[in-house]
Protein backbone atom coordinates (compact mmCIF):
# COMPACT_ATOMS: atom_id res chain seq x y z
CA MET A 1 -0.89 5.90 -7.04
CA ILE A 2 -0.25 4.89 -3.69
CA ILE A 3 -2.79 6.58 -1.40
CA ASN A 4 -3.00 6.05 3.00
CA ILE A 5 -5.92 5.11 3.48
CA ARG A 6 -7.14 5.24 7.91
CA VAL A 7 -11.01 2.73 7.96
CA ILE A 8 -13.70 3.07 10.22
CA PRO A 9 -15.45 -0.26 10.74
CA ARG A 10 -18.99 -0.45 11.08
CA ALA A 11 -19.93 2.18 10.21
CA LYS A 12 -23.85 3.69 9.58
CA LYS A 13 -23.11 3.68 5.45
CA ASN A 14 -20.39 4.13 2.94
CA LYS A 15 -18.30 6.74 2.30
CA VAL A 16 -14.90 8.15 1.36
CA GLU A 17 -13.51 11.55 2.76
CA GLU A 18 -10.13 13.53 2.70
CA GLU A 19 -8.82 14.26 6.32
CA GLU A 20 -4.95 15.57 6.73
CA GLY A 21 -3.03 14.31 3.36
CA ARG A 22 -5.38 10.83 3.62
CA LEU A 23 -8.13 9.47 2.27
CA LYS A 24 -10.66 8.10 5.31
CA VAL A 25 -13.14 6.22 4.40
CA HIS A 26 -15.79 4.48 6.45
CA LEU A 27 -17.86 1.32 6.01
CA THR A 28 -20.59 -0.73 6.34
CA ALA A 29 -18.46 -4.57 6.92
CA PRO A 30 -17.08 -5.67 10.64
CA PRO A 31 -13.28 -6.42 10.62
CA GLN A 32 -13.24 -10.08 10.20
CA ASP A 33 -12.92 -12.69 7.55
CA GLY A 34 -11.37 -9.39 5.86
CA ARG A 35 -14.68 -8.59 4.44
CA ALA A 36 -13.84 -4.72 5.02
CA ASN A 37 -10.73 -4.85 3.10
CA LYS A 38 -12.71 -7.04 0.74
CA LEU A 39 -15.18 -3.68 1.01
CA LEU A 40 -12.24 -1.24 0.68
CA ILE A 41 -11.06 -2.23 -2.51
CA GLU A 42 -14.34 -2.37 -4.10
CA LEU A 43 -15.28 0.74 -2.67
CA LEU A 44 -11.83 2.28 -3.67
CA ALA A 45 -12.17 1.21 -7.74
CA GLU A 46 -15.58 2.90 -7.80
CA HIS A 47 -14.20 6.00 -6.43
CA PHE A 48 -11.40 5.81 -8.38
CA GLN A 49 -13.22 5.14 -11.28
CA VAL A 50 -11.38 1.43 -11.95
CA LYS A 51 -11.19 -1.90 -11.57
CA LYS A 52 -11.55 -3.95 -8.65
CA ARG A 53 -8.28 -5.46 -9.85
CA GLN A 54 -6.45 -2.62 -10.23
CA VAL A 55 -6.32 -2.02 -6.60
CA SER A 56 -4.12 -3.36 -4.23
CA LEU A 57 -3.49 -3.13 -0.44
CA VAL A 58 0.41 -2.72 0.17
CA LYS A 59 0.29 -2.74 3.76
CA GLY A 60 -2.22 -3.22 6.49
CA ASP A 61 -3.62 -5.78 6.32
CA LYS A 62 -5.61 -6.18 9.95
CA SER A 63 -4.49 -2.43 10.94
CA GLN A 64 -7.29 0.52 10.49
CA ASN A 65 -4.29 2.64 8.61
CA LYS A 66 -3.29 0.67 5.54
CA ILE A 67 -1.44 1.52 2.06
CA VAL A 68 -3.65 1.00 -0.86
CA GLU A 69 -1.88 1.14 -4.55
CA ILE A 70 -4.27 1.75 -8.05
CA ILE A 71 -2.92 1.19 -10.98
CA THR A 72 -4.47 3.45 -13.73
C-alpha cells in the first residue's frame, strides 16, 4: 500500500489524521538527523498495526511531503 503523507514536525503531540485523500502526521521530533523520519515510521507502524520493518520511506526524505509504502 502506497500512502501520501504531509508531515508537521515539532508539533505538540504525535497524531495521525486524514486530510483530503492523504494522511497528515504531526510529530514531536524536529526534522534533524532523520529523527522525524524515524518517529514517522514508528508512528505509522503503530497506526496500521504492522512492524516497523514493513514501513518504508519511498520518497521525500528531506521534505514535508512524503510517500510511504506499507507492506502487509
